Structure formats: structure tokens, C-alpha cells
Amino acid sequence: MTVSDAALDRLREWNAEIAVVLGSGLNVLVSAADSGNSVAYSDFPELPKPSVPGHTGRFLLGNVGSTRVIFAQGRVHLYEGHTARQATTGIRILSAAGIKRLILTNAAGVANESFSPGTWMMISDQINLTGTTPLLGSAQFLDLTEIYSKKWRADFTGAAKTENITLHEGVYAGLLGPQYETPAEVRMLRQLGADAIGMSTVLEAIQARALGLEVAGFSCLTNWAAGIGNAPLSHEDVLETGKSAADTFTRLLKATVGRG
């Protein structure tokens, strides 16, 4: 048995059907969990290792309420020099481990001025502006009409109202990065229908749907996009806002998937 086979068996033995991919600054969601109950990304030779601050690089076997969950702490991005196929390796591993439902999270800039930094946006749809896809090289003509589960979104919306949580809903635009967008690019993206802007998630959602997984997505709105706010953009601010907003998302998870 190879290292990768043994590591996959550990994930499978946890018998979870839901996984949560944690974006920048959101590792605090599971910071109190037992680090011994985890599988390092390095145990999977085929899985690229994150190089960006705020991305730990392990699968943590945890619980949300009474529900077993696998938390993917950290992701890799195209801008780190990876292909779309490489950047979505973790999603294929989670699917092979028995995951049926996937929650993607990210830190994003706010393009919709009716939203505000420090709140959360549930992704209703996406715009892939990375110029690539994890399905490249295949002839898999995938229907993405409902890339983010309408039924699951309704569940989260209901839970947010019950918990008195502000939960926006909108369109996420995924770009290549690593540079932030210019004010002109932000205006263009807003005209295209984007409410939040980031550098991840869109490829993972495509890969997950290609594997038949049910997908939900959430953006932690960490800062105003360029040209809207006055402050310069920094990754440190993104991480800090993500930490402060994590408690709200934990409550939302417990009110939905945590009930078993």
C-alpha cells in the first residue's frame, strides 16, 4: 500500500459525506480541533502543497454538531503556478473519500456596494474568468445551470434567518491573480454581474459538479474591491477579517449541516 492509499483510507474511514474547503483566514473555524485527527496534504504525493499564508495544508477530520465533516484546511491556486487540474486535486481526493456534498469558502473583495466587509455572501452563481477549467483535455460537456445547489441554498437562507445572521446572496467572479483588480476592472466586473471577486473556488465548483457532488459556496467579504473603498488592499487585512467573521459562519454551519 502506498502512502497515498493509506491516507485515503483514513479519510474514508471517517465516513463523512460533507467536506468544507476553508479559504484564506478561515482556518480559525477548526483551530480548536484535535490536530492529531488529521491527514497532511503531504501524505498525497499528487496533491500540491499550499504556499500562501493562511492555508495550513491538511485534511482535518472533525464534527459540526452531530455531523462528521472533513475540513480541507487550505487550497492551492492557479497563481502559485499550478494548472487547473492540479489546483482541483483535493476535490477529487475528497470525492474518492466518499464525500457527497461540498461547501466551498473563500475570502473575497466586495463589488456590490449594498453589501459590506465583514459579512458573508452565499454564492448563487459564478463567473469563471481564469481562462481555464479542470475539465481541459476532455470532452465532458457539463451542464452548470445549477452549479450551486438551489435546495441547499434555501436551507442556508432559512438557517440564517433563524439565527439572525446577515447572509447576502450573489455572484462570485473568479480571476487568475495574484494581483488585485484595478478600479477599472472592478467596474467591468460589476457590469458583468459580479457581487464579489476572488482568486479561487470557480474551478473547484466545476470539478465538484463534474464528479456529481452537491455544492454550496460562501464568500467572506473581507474588503471593498479597488476603487470602492479608500484603504489599500492587503492580504494581512483579508486574513484578519476572515478570523473575525468565522464565528458567524460556524453558527450557520451548526444550524444547517450540524443537525445531522
Protein backbone atom coordinates (compact mmCIF):
# COMPACT_ATOMS: atom_id res chain seq x y z
CA MET A 1 0.00 0.00 0.00
CA THR A 2 1.36 3.45 -0.94
CA VAL A 3 1.34 6.50 1.34
CA SER A 4 -1.47 7.98 -0.74
CA ASP A 5 -3.59 4.81 -0.42
CA ALA A 6 -3.15 4.73 3.35
CA ALA A 7 -4.03 8.42 3.66
CA LEU A 8 -7.14 8.00 1.52
CA ASP A 9 -8.21 5.06 3.67
CA ARG A 10 -8.01 7.31 6.75
CA LEU A 11 -10.30 9.82 5.09
CA ARG A 12 -12.72 7.08 4.03
CA GLU A 13 -12.80 5.55 7.49
CA TRP A 14 -14.09 8.84 8.91
CA ASN A 15 -17.26 8.09 6.94
CA ALA A 16 -18.16 11.72 6.28
CA GLU A 17 -20.44 12.83 3.46
CA ILE A 18 -19.76 16.57 3.79
CA ALA A 19 -16.50 18.43 3.29
CA VAL A 20 -15.69 22.10 3.84
CA VAL A 21 -12.84 23.78 1.95
CA LEU A 22 -11.50 26.65 4.05
CA GLY A 23 -10.30 29.82 2.36
CA SER A 24 -7.83 32.49 3.48
CA GLY A 25 -8.08 33.33 7.16
CA LEU A 26 -10.82 30.76 7.79
CA ASN A 27 -8.72 28.04 9.43
CA VAL A 28 -9.85 29.51 12.74
CA LEU A 29 -13.11 27.64 12.13
CA VAL A 30 -11.36 24.48 13.30
CA SER A 31 -8.42 25.93 15.25
CA ALA A 32 -9.55 24.26 18.47
CA ALA A 33 -9.88 20.82 16.89
CA ASP A 34 -7.56 17.95 17.67
CA SER A 35 -4.64 18.27 15.28
CA GLY A 36 -3.91 14.59 15.74
CA ASN A 37 -7.09 13.68 13.94
CA SER A 38 -5.85 14.95 10.61
CA VAL A 39 -4.19 13.88 7.38
CA ALA A 40 -1.49 16.09 5.93
CA TYR A 41 -1.67 17.10 2.29
CA SER A 42 1.93 15.89 2.09
CA ASP A 43 0.61 12.32 2.52
CA PHE A 44 -0.80 12.64 -1.01
CA PRO A 45 2.12 12.95 -3.45
CA GLU A 46 -0.29 14.05 -6.19
CA LEU A 47 -1.66 16.94 -4.11
CA PRO A 48 0.22 20.25 -4.44
CA LYS A 49 1.05 21.96 -1.15
CA PRO A 50 -0.29 25.45 -0.39
CA SER A 51 2.31 28.21 -0.27
CA VAL A 52 0.05 31.13 0.68
CA PRO A 53 -0.18 32.37 4.30
CA GLY A 54 -3.45 31.32 5.88
CA HIS A 55 -3.59 27.93 4.12
CA THR A 56 -2.48 25.18 6.53
CA GLY A 57 -2.36 22.18 4.19
CA ARG A 58 -4.19 19.29 5.86
CA PHE A 59 -7.50 17.44 5.93
CA LEU A 60 -8.95 17.64 9.43
CA LEU A 61 -11.47 15.03 10.50
CA GLY A 62 -13.93 16.90 12.66
CA ASN A 63 -17.55 17.41 13.57
CA VAL A 64 -20.12 20.14 13.09
CA GLY A 65 -22.68 19.40 15.76
CA SER A 66 -23.57 15.74 15.32
CA THR A 67 -22.34 15.55 11.73
CA ARG A 68 -18.96 14.22 10.67
CA VAL A 69 -17.14 16.57 8.33
CA ILE A 70 -13.78 16.69 6.58
CA PHE A 71 -12.27 20.16 6.65
CA ALA A 72 -9.76 20.89 3.88
CA GLN A 73 -7.53 23.47 5.54
CA GLY A 74 -6.03 25.36 2.66
CA ARG A 75 -6.09 25.19 -1.12
CA VAL A 76 -3.71 25.86 -3.97
CA HIS A 77 -4.31 28.46 -6.65
CA LEU A 78 -3.51 28.96 -10.29
CA TYR A 79 -1.35 31.97 -9.44
CA GLU A 80 1.01 29.71 -7.48
CA GLY A 81 1.96 28.20 -10.82
CA HIS A 82 -0.42 25.24 -10.88
CA THR A 83 -2.68 24.02 -13.66
CA ALA A 84 -6.44 23.89 -13.22
CA ARG A 85 -6.18 20.12 -12.91
CA GLN A 86 -3.56 20.37 -10.17
CA ALA A 87 -5.49 23.07 -8.30
CA THR A 88 -8.54 20.79 -8.04
CA THR A 89 -6.74 17.62 -6.94
CA GLY A 90 -8.10 18.00 -3.42
CA ILE A 91 -11.68 17.89 -4.69
CA ARG A 92 -11.05 14.59 -6.47
CA ILE A 93 -9.46 13.18 -3.31
CA LEU A 94 -12.49 14.20 -1.23
CA SER A 95 -14.82 12.59 -3.76
CA ALA A 96 -12.77 9.38 -3.66
CA ALA A 97 -13.04 9.51 0.15
CA GLY A 98 -16.84 9.31 -0.09
CA ILE A 99 -17.82 12.96 0.12
CA LYS A 100 -21.21 13.69 -1.49
CA ARG A 101 -21.73 17.35 -0.53
CA LEU A 102 -19.10 20.09 -0.68
CA ILE A 103 -19.02 23.53 0.92
CA LEU A 104 -16.50 25.92 -0.64
CA THR A 105 -15.43 29.03 1.25
CA ASN A 106 -13.23 31.92 0.23
CA ALA A 107 -12.19 35.43 1.14
CA ALA A 108 -13.42 37.94 -1.42
CA GLY A 109 -13.49 41.62 -2.25
CA VAL A 110 -16.87 43.32 -2.30
CA ALA A 111 -18.04 44.76 -5.63
CA ASN A 112 -21.69 45.21 -4.66
CA GLU A 113 -21.87 48.40 -2.61
CA SER A 114 -25.08 47.26 -0.91
CA PHE A 115 -23.04 44.56 0.83
CA SER A 116 -20.36 45.37 3.39
CA PRO A 117 -17.00 43.95 4.52
CA GLY A 118 -17.18 41.62 7.48
CA THR A 119 -20.36 39.90 6.28
CA TRP A 120 -20.92 36.70 4.31
CA MET A 121 -22.27 36.13 0.80
CA MET A 122 -23.71 32.81 -0.29
CA ILE A 123 -22.75 32.18 -3.90
CA SER A 124 -25.74 31.76 -6.20
CA ASP A 125 -23.70 31.61 -9.42
CA GLN A 126 -20.20 32.24 -10.67
CA ILE A 127 -18.20 33.81 -13.48
CA ASN A 128 -15.03 31.90 -14.37
CA LEU A 129 -12.53 34.44 -15.67
CA THR A 130 -9.43 32.34 -15.05
CA GLY A 131 -9.24 31.32 -18.69
CA THR A 132 -9.09 27.63 -17.88
CA THR A 133 -11.02 24.65 -16.48
CA PRO A 134 -10.16 21.40 -14.68
CA LEU A 135 -12.01 19.60 -17.49
CA LEU A 136 -9.47 20.78 -20.07
CA GLY A 137 -8.40 17.92 -22.33
CA SER A 138 -11.70 16.08 -22.02
CA ALA A 139 -14.99 16.28 -23.90
CA GLN A 140 -17.08 16.45 -20.73
CA PHE A 141 -19.79 18.94 -21.68
CA LEU A 142 -21.02 19.71 -18.18
CA ASP A 143 -24.33 21.47 -17.51
CA LEU A 144 -23.67 24.25 -14.98
CA THR A 145 -27.18 25.72 -14.92
CA GLU A 146 -27.35 24.97 -11.21
CA ILE A 147 -23.71 24.80 -10.20
CA TYR A 148 -24.61 25.81 -6.64
CA SER A 149 -27.44 23.70 -5.21
CA LYS A 150 -30.70 25.64 -5.11
CA LYS A 151 -32.12 23.36 -2.43
CA TRP A 152 -29.06 23.67 -0.22
CA ARG A 153 -29.08 27.46 -0.65
CA ALA A 154 -32.68 27.52 0.59
CA ASP A 155 -31.63 25.54 3.68
CA PHE A 156 -28.83 28.01 4.46
CA THR A 157 -31.10 31.00 3.86
CA GLY A 158 -33.64 29.62 6.30
CA ALA A 159 -30.98 28.90 8.91
CA ALA A 160 -29.52 32.41 8.55
CA LYS A 161 -32.93 33.96 9.22
CA THR A 162 -33.47 31.74 12.25
CA GLU A 163 -30.02 32.60 13.62
CA ASN A 164 -30.39 36.30 12.75
CA ILE A 165 -27.30 36.15 10.55
CA THR A 166 -26.80 38.60 7.70
CA LEU A 167 -26.29 36.39 4.65
CA HIS A 168 -26.16 38.07 1.27
CA GLU A 169 -26.59 36.09 -1.93
CA GLY A 170 -24.84 36.89 -5.16
CA VAL A 171 -22.44 36.11 -7.99
CA TYR A 172 -18.76 35.36 -7.43
CA ALA A 173 -16.19 36.19 -10.09
CA GLY A 174 -13.02 34.10 -10.02
CA LEU A 175 -9.88 35.58 -11.59
CA LEU A 176 -6.31 34.40 -12.03
CA GLY A 177 -4.48 36.76 -9.63
CA PRO A 178 -2.26 37.12 -7.69
CA GLN A 179 -2.54 40.89 -8.18
CA TYR A 180 -5.74 42.53 -7.02
CA GLU A 181 -8.01 44.07 -9.64
CA THR A 182 -7.74 47.66 -10.79
CA PRO A 183 -10.66 50.04 -10.22
CA ALA A 184 -11.46 49.83 -13.95
CA GLU A 185 -11.51 46.04 -13.79
CA VAL A 186 -13.81 46.17 -10.76
CA ARG A 187 -16.22 48.43 -12.65
CA MET A 188 -16.15 45.99 -15.56
CA LEU A 189 -16.80 43.02 -13.26
CA ARG A 190 -19.70 44.81 -11.64
CA GLN A 191 -21.19 45.42 -15.08
CA LEU A 192 -20.82 41.70 -15.78
CA GLY A 193 -22.89 40.95 -12.69
CA ALA A 194 -20.24 40.16 -10.09
CA ASP A 195 -21.05 40.91 -6.46
CA ALA A 196 -17.80 39.55 -5.03
CA ILE A 197 -14.36 38.98 -6.54
CA GLY A 198 -11.64 36.46 -5.70
CA MET A 199 -8.96 34.11 -6.99
CA SER A 200 -10.31 30.65 -6.15
CA THR A 201 -13.44 28.47 -5.90
CA VAL A 202 -14.71 28.59 -9.50
CA LEU A 203 -12.53 25.69 -10.69
CA GLU A 204 -13.29 23.64 -7.58
CA ALA A 205 -17.02 24.09 -8.13
CA ILE A 206 -16.70 22.93 -11.73
CA GLN A 207 -14.68 19.88 -10.72
CA ALA A 208 -17.10 19.02 -7.92
CA ARG A 209 -20.13 19.18 -10.20
CA ALA A 210 -18.31 17.05 -12.78
CA LEU A 211 -17.96 14.42 -10.04
CA GLY A 212 -21.64 14.66 -9.14
CA LEU A 213 -21.19 16.43 -5.81
CA GLU A 214 -23.77 18.83 -4.42
CA VAL A 215 -22.09 22.21 -3.96
CA ALA A 216 -22.61 25.27 -1.78
CA GLY A 217 -20.29 28.27 -1.76
CA PHE A 218 -19.69 31.15 0.63
CA SER A 219 -17.55 34.27 0.37
CA CYS A 220 -16.31 36.02 3.48
CA LEU A 221 -16.46 39.61 2.29
CA THR A 222 -13.18 40.89 3.66
CA ASN A 223 -12.67 44.24 1.94
CA TRP A 224 -14.06 46.67 -0.58
CA ALA A 225 -12.80 45.98 -4.09
CA ALA A 226 -10.40 48.51 -5.60
CA GLY A 227 -11.94 51.90 -6.33
CA ILE A 228 -14.82 51.45 -3.88
CA GLY A 229 -13.05 51.86 -0.54
CA ASN A 230 -10.16 54.19 0.28
CA ALA A 231 -7.84 51.75 2.01
CA PRO A 232 -5.11 49.90 0.07
CA LEU A 233 -5.71 46.17 -0.30
CA SER A 234 -3.56 43.74 1.69
CA HIS A 235 -3.56 40.01 2.33
CA GLU A 236 -2.99 40.65 6.05
CA ASP A 237 -6.30 42.53 6.28
CA VAL A 238 -8.01 39.68 4.43
CA LEU A 239 -6.75 37.16 6.99
CA GLU A 240 -7.76 39.33 9.93
CA THR A 241 -11.30 39.93 8.68
CA GLY A 242 -11.69 36.23 7.93
CA LYS A 243 -10.81 35.38 11.52
CA SER A 244 -13.32 37.83 12.95
CA ALA A 245 -16.13 36.59 10.67
CA ALA A 246 -15.51 32.90 11.35
CA ASP A 247 -17.78 32.71 14.39
CA THR A 248 -20.75 33.77 12.30
CA PHE A 249 -20.10 31.05 9.73
CA THR A 250 -19.66 28.44 12.47
CA ARG A 251 -23.13 29.30 13.75
CA LEU A 252 -24.53 28.96 10.23
CA LEU A 253 -22.90 25.55 9.76
CA LYS A 254 -24.20 24.27 13.09
CA ALA A 255 -27.71 25.42 12.22
CA THR A 256 -27.66 23.51 8.92
CA VAL A 257 -25.29 20.57 8.49
CA GLY A 258 -24.72 20.28 12.24
CA ARG A 259 -28.20 18.91 12.84
CA GLY A 260 -27.43 15.66 11.08
